């Protein structure tokens, strides 16, 4: 039968493994905010074509 200290150690180990897995996942996750900014920047700096003849 497990005593309280063993249970505590197992819970702590499980938590550390979960946090490590989460941090690795976030490192490999693409940053969609930067992608939106760069695509918006590309649209913003698109060449402007004037349609009127008077320009």
PDB file of N, CA and C in Angstrom:
ATOM      1  N   UNK A   1       0.829  -1.176   0.000  1.00  0.00           N
ATOM      2  CA  UNK A   1       0.000   0.000   0.000  1.00  0.00           C
ATOM      3  C   UNK A   1       0.883   1.252   0.000  1.00  0.00           C
ATOM      4  N   UNK A   2       0.454   2.249  -0.754  1.00  0.00           N
ATOM      5  CA  UNK A   2       1.236   3.472  -0.865  1.00  0.00           C
ATOM      6  C   UNK A   2       1.021   4.365   0.351  1.00  0.00           C
ATOM      7  N   UNK A   3       2.102   4.953   0.804  1.00  0.00           N
ATOM      8  CA  UNK A   3       1.944   5.914   1.892  1.00  0.00           C
ATOM      9  C   UNK A   3       1.800   7.325   1.308  1.00  0.00           C
ATOM     10  N   UNK A   4       1.567   8.284   2.148  1.00  0.00           N
ATOM     11  CA  UNK A   4       1.289   9.647   1.693  1.00  0.00           C
ATOM     12  C   UNK A   4       2.471  10.265   0.953  1.00  0.00           C
ATOM     13  N   UNK A   5       3.675   9.995   1.400  1.00  0.00           N
ATOM     14  CA  UNK A   5       4.851  10.568   0.757  1.00  0.00           C
ATOM     15  C   UNK A   5       5.025  10.028  -0.660  1.00  0.00           C
ATOM     16  N   UNK A   6       4.808   8.737  -0.853  1.00  0.00           N
ATOM     17  CA  UNK A   6       4.915   8.151  -2.190  1.00  0.00           C
ATOM     18  C   UNK A   6       3.860   8.728  -3.121  1.00  0.00           C
ATOM     19  N   UNK A   7       2.664   8.902  -2.614  1.00  0.00           N
ATOM     20  CA  UNK A   7       1.595   9.488  -3.426  1.00  0.00           C
ATOM     21  C   UNK A   7       1.965  10.914  -3.809  1.00  0.00           C
ATOM     22  N   UNK A   8       2.493  11.677  -2.861  1.00  0.00           N
ATOM     23  CA  UNK A   8       2.912  13.047  -3.132  1.00  0.00           C
ATOM     24  C   UNK A   8       3.995  13.080  -4.200  1.00  0.00           C
ATOM     25  N   UNK A   9       4.978  12.196  -4.095  1.00  0.00           N
ATOM     26  CA  UNK A   9       6.054  12.147  -5.082  1.00  0.00           C
ATOM     27  C   UNK A   9       5.516  11.798  -6.465  1.00  0.00           C
ATOM     28  N   UNK A  10       4.605  10.844  -6.537  1.00  0.00           N
ATOM     29  CA  UNK A  10       4.035  10.466  -7.826  1.00  0.00           C
ATOM     30  C   UNK A  10       3.234  11.610  -8.442  1.00  0.00           C
ATOM     31  N   UNK A  11       2.473  12.320  -7.606  1.00  0.00           N
ATOM     32  CA  UNK A  11       1.696  13.453  -8.110  1.00  0.00           C
ATOM     33  C   UNK A  11       2.612  14.573  -8.600  1.00  0.00           C
ATOM     34  N   UNK A  12       3.680  14.831  -7.878  1.00  0.00           N
ATOM     35  CA  UNK A  12       4.628  15.867  -8.271  1.00  0.00           C
ATOM     36  C   UNK A  12       5.328  15.485  -9.574  1.00  0.00           C
ATOM     37  N   UNK A  13       5.724  14.231  -9.703  1.00  0.00           N
ATOM     38  CA  UNK A  13       6.361  13.763 -10.925  1.00  0.00           C
ATOM     39  C   UNK A  13       5.416  13.898 -12.114  1.00  0.00           C
ATOM     40  N   UNK A  14       4.153  13.529 -11.926  1.00  0.00           N
ATOM     41  CA  UNK A  14       3.159  13.634 -12.989  1.00  0.00           C
ATOM     42  C   UNK A  14       2.960  15.096 -13.409  1.00  0.00           C
ATOM     43  N   UNK A  15       2.929  15.996 -12.422  1.00  0.00           N
ATOM     44  CA  UNK A  15       2.751  17.413 -12.714  1.00  0.00           C
ATOM     45  C   UNK A  15       3.950  17.955 -13.491  1.00  0.00           C
ATOM     46  N   UNK A  16       5.155  17.580 -13.103  1.00  0.00           N
ATOM     47  CA  UNK A  16       6.352  18.032 -13.805  1.00  0.00           C
ATOM     48  C   UNK A  16       6.366  17.513 -15.238  1.00  0.00           C
ATOM     49  N   UNK A  17       5.972  16.271 -15.439  1.00  0.00           N
ATOM     50  CA  UNK A  17       5.918  15.721 -16.790  1.00  0.00           C
ATOM     51  C   UNK A  17       4.894  16.461 -17.638  1.00  0.00           C
ATOM     52  N   UNK A  18       3.745  16.774 -17.062  1.00  0.00           N
ATOM     53  CA  UNK A  18       2.702  17.494 -17.786  1.00  0.00           C
ATOM     54  C   UNK A  18       3.170  18.895 -18.158  1.00  0.00           C
ATOM     55  N   UNK A  19       3.820  19.594 -17.229  1.00  0.00           N
ATOM     56  CA  UNK A  19       4.319  20.938 -17.505  1.00  0.00           C
ATOM     57  C   UNK A  19       5.404  20.909 -18.571  1.00  0.00           C
ATOM     58  N   UNK A  20       6.265  19.907 -18.538  1.00  0.00           N
ATOM     59  CA  UNK A  20       7.323  19.802 -19.535  1.00  0.00           C
ATOM     60  C   UNK A  20       6.725  19.531 -20.915  1.00  0.00           C
ATOM     61  N   UNK A  21       5.751  18.650 -20.986  1.00  0.00           N
ATOM     62  CA  UNK A  21       5.092  18.356 -22.254  1.00  0.00           C
ATOM     63  C   UNK A  21       4.386  19.592 -22.794  1.00  0.00           C
ATOM     64  N   UNK A  22       3.741  20.345 -21.919  1.00  0.00           N
ATOM     65  CA  UNK A  22       3.045  21.559 -22.343  1.00  0.00           C
ATOM     66  C   UNK A  22       4.025  22.607 -22.849  1.00  0.00           C
ATOM     67  N   UNK A  23       5.148  22.766 -22.185  1.00  0.00           N
ATOM     68  CA  UNK A  23       6.116  23.767 -22.637  1.00  0.00           C
ATOM     69  C   UNK A  23       6.716  23.380 -23.981  1.00  0.00           C
ATOM     70  N   UNK A  24       6.959  22.105 -24.201  1.00  0.00           N
ATOM     71  CA  UNK A  24       7.470  21.653 -25.498  1.00  0.00           C
ATOM     72  C   UNK A  24       6.426  21.887 -26.584  1.00  0.00           C
ATOM     73  N   UNK A  25       5.164  21.630 -26.258  1.00  0.00           N
ATOM     74  CA  UNK A  25       4.093  21.843 -27.233  1.00  0.00           C
ATOM     75  C   UNK A  25       3.979  23.313 -27.601  1.00  0.00           C
ATOM     76  N   UNK A  26       4.093  24.210 -26.620  1.00  0.00           N
ATOM     77  CA  UNK A  26       3.991  25.638 -26.918  1.00  0.00           C
ATOM     78  C   UNK A  26       5.185  26.124 -27.718  1.00  0.00           C
ATOM     79  N   UNK A  27       6.350  25.537 -27.533  1.00  0.00           N
ATOM     80  CA  UNK A  27       7.514  25.928 -28.328  1.00  0.00           C
ATOM     81  C   UNK A  27       7.312  25.555 -29.791  1.00  0.00           C
ATOM     82  N   UNK A  28       6.635  24.453 -30.052  1.00  0.00           N
ATOM     83  CA  UNK A  28       6.435  23.990 -31.419  1.00  0.00           C
ATOM     84  C   UNK A  28       5.157  24.523 -32.049  1.00  0.00           C
ATOM     85  N   UNK A  29       4.325  25.241 -31.279  1.00  0.00           N
ATOM     86  CA  UNK A  29       3.047  25.749 -31.781  1.00  0.00           C
ATOM     87  C   UNK A  29       3.290  27.013 -32.597  1.00  0.00           C
ATOM     88  N   UNK A  30       2.769  27.088 -33.816  1.00  0.00           N
ATOM     89  CA  UNK A  30       2.991  28.299 -34.623  1.00  0.00           C
ATOM     90  C   UNK A  30       2.252  29.486 -34.020  1.00  0.00           C
ATOM     91  N   UNK A  31       2.889  30.636 -34.052  1.00  0.00           N
ATOM     92  CA  UNK A  31       2.291  31.845 -33.482  1.00  0.00           C
ATOM     93  C   UNK A  31       1.374  32.471 -34.523  1.00  0.00           C
ATOM     94  N   UNK A  32       0.076  32.320 -34.342  1.00  0.00           N
ATOM     95  CA  UNK A  32      -0.887  32.825 -35.322  1.00  0.00           C
ATOM     96  C   UNK A  32      -0.998  34.336 -35.262  1.00  0.00           C
ATOM     97  N   UNK A  33      -0.699  34.959 -34.131  1.00  0.00           N
ATOM     98  CA  UNK A  33      -0.760  36.418 -34.050  1.00  0.00           C
ATOM     99  C   UNK A  33       0.267  37.053 -34.973  1.00  0.00           C
ATOM    100  N   UNK A  34       1.476  36.523 -35.005  1.00  0.00           N
ATOM    101  CA  UNK A  34       2.504  37.054 -35.899  1.00  0.00           C
ATOM    102  C   UNK A  34       2.123  36.802 -37.348  1.00  0.00           C
ATOM    103  N   UNK A  35       1.494  35.669 -37.632  1.00  0.00           N
ATOM    104  CA  UNK A  35       1.092  35.369 -38.998  1.00  0.00           C
ATOM    105  C   UNK A  35       0.034  36.357 -39.466  1.00  0.00           C
ATOM    106  N   UNK A  36      -0.918  36.706 -38.592  1.00  0.00           N
ATOM    107  CA  UNK A  36      -1.956  37.661 -38.953  1.00  0.00           C
ATOM    108  C   UNK A  36      -1.358  39.042 -39.195  1.00  0.00           C
ATOM    109  N   UNK A  37      -0.390  39.426 -38.390  1.00  0.00           N
ATOM    110  CA  UNK A  37       0.227  40.738 -38.537  1.00  0.00           C
ATOM    111  C   UNK A  37       0.986  40.813 -39.853  1.00  0.00           C
ATOM    112  N   UNK A  38       1.725  39.772 -40.187  1.00  0.00           N
ATOM    113  CA  UNK A  38       2.497  39.815 -41.421  1.00  0.00           C
ATOM    114  C   UNK A  38       1.587  39.782 -42.638  1.00  0.00           C
ATOM    115  N   UNK A  39       0.509  39.011 -42.609  1.00  0.00           N
ATOM    116  CA  UNK A  39      -0.386  39.000 -43.760  1.00  0.00           C
ATOM    117  C   UNK A  39      -1.121  40.319 -43.867  1.00  0.00           C
ATOM    118  N   UNK A  40      -1.478  40.922 -42.732  1.00  0.00           N
ATOM    119  CA  UNK A  40      -2.128  42.230 -42.773  1.00  0.00           C
ATOM    120  C   UNK A  40      -1.145  43.271 -43.287  1.00  0.00           C
ATOM    121  N   UNK A  41       0.119  43.150 -42.904  1.00  0.00           N
ATOM    122  CA  UNK A  41       1.138  44.077 -43.385  1.00  0.00           C
ATOM    123  C   UNK A  41       1.333  43.960 -44.882  1.00  0.00           C
ATOM    124  N   UNK A  42       1.284  42.762 -45.401  1.00  0.00           N
ATOM    125  CA  UNK A  42       1.428  42.580 -46.841  1.00  0.00           C
ATOM    126  C   UNK A  42       0.253  43.205 -47.581  1.00  0.00           C
ATOM    127  N   UNK A  43      -0.937  43.057 -47.050  1.00  0.00           N
ATOM    128  CA  UNK A  43      -2.100  43.651 -47.682  1.00  0.00           C
ATOM    129  C   UNK A  43      -2.035  45.168 -47.594  1.00  0.00           C
ATOM    130  N   UNK A  44      -1.494  45.680 -46.528  1.00  0.00           N
ATOM    131  CA  UNK A  44      -1.437  47.113 -46.321  1.00  0.00           C
ATOM    132  C   UNK A  44      -0.450  47.762 -47.289  1.00  0.00           C
ATOM    133  N   UNK A  45       0.619  47.083 -47.610  1.00  0.00           N
ATOM    134  CA  UNK A  45       1.644  47.648 -48.471  1.00  0.00           C
ATOM    135  C   UNK A  45       1.519  47.181 -49.921  1.00  0.00           C
ATOM    136  N   UNK A  46       0.359  46.730 -50.295  1.00  0.00           N
ATOM    137  CA  UNK A  46       0.144  46.315 -51.680  1.00  0.00           C
ATOM    138  C   UNK A  46       0.209  47.551 -52.577  1.00  0.00           C
ATOM    139  N   UNK A  47       0.703  47.416 -53.797  1.00  0.00           N
ATOM    140  CA  UNK A  47       0.788  48.587 -54.686  1.00  0.00           C
ATOM    141  C   UNK A  47      -0.600  49.145 -54.995  1.00  0.00           C
ATOM    142  N   UNK A  48      -0.680  50.472 -54.978  1.00  0.00           N
ATOM    143  CA  UNK A  48      -1.948  51.151 -55.232  1.00  0.00           C
ATOM    144  C   UNK A  48      -2.017  51.490 -56.718  1.00  0.00           C
ATOM    145  N   UNK A  49      -3.075  51.050 -57.346  1.00  0.00           N
ATOM    146  CA  UNK A  49      -3.267  51.319 -58.769  1.00  0.00           C
ATOM    147  C   UNK A  49      -4.369  52.357 -58.907  1.00  0.00           C
ATOM    148  N   UNK A  50      -4.038  53.455 -59.528  1.00  0.00           N
ATOM    149  CA  UNK A  50      -5.015  54.521 -59.714  1.00  0.00           C
ATOM    150  C   UNK A  50      -5.832  54.209 -60.964  1.00  0.00           C
ATOM    151  N   UNK A  51      -7.145  54.282 -60.839  1.00  0.00           N
ATOM    152  CA  UNK A  51      -8.020  53.946 -61.954  1.00  0.00           C
ATOM    153  C   UNK A  51      -8.388  55.161 -62.805  1.00  0.00           C
ATOM    154  N   UNK A  52      -8.272  56.334 -62.239  1.00  0.00           N
ATOM    155  CA  UNK A  52      -8.719  57.502 -63.006  1.00  0.00           C
ATOM    156  C   UNK A  52      -7.636  57.968 -63.980  1.00  0.00           C
ATOM    157  N   UNK A  53      -8.023  58.600 -65.042  1.00  0.00           N
ATOM    158  CA  UNK A  53      -7.102  59.038 -66.085  1.00  0.00           C
ATOM    159  C   UNK A  53      -6.434  60.368 -65.743  1.00  0.00           C
ATOM    160  N   UNK A  54      -6.967  61.090 -64.766  1.00  0.00           N
ATOM    161  CA  UNK A  54      -6.448  62.422 -64.486  1.00  0.00           C
ATOM    162  C   UNK A  54      -5.165  62.414 -63.659  1.00  0.00           C
ATOM    163  N   UNK A  55      -4.727  61.294 -63.182  1.00  0.00           N
ATOM    164  CA  UNK A  55      -3.552  61.254 -62.314  1.00  0.00           C
ATOM    165  C   UNK A  55      -2.278  61.378 -63.030  1.00  0.00           C
TER     166      UNK A  55
END
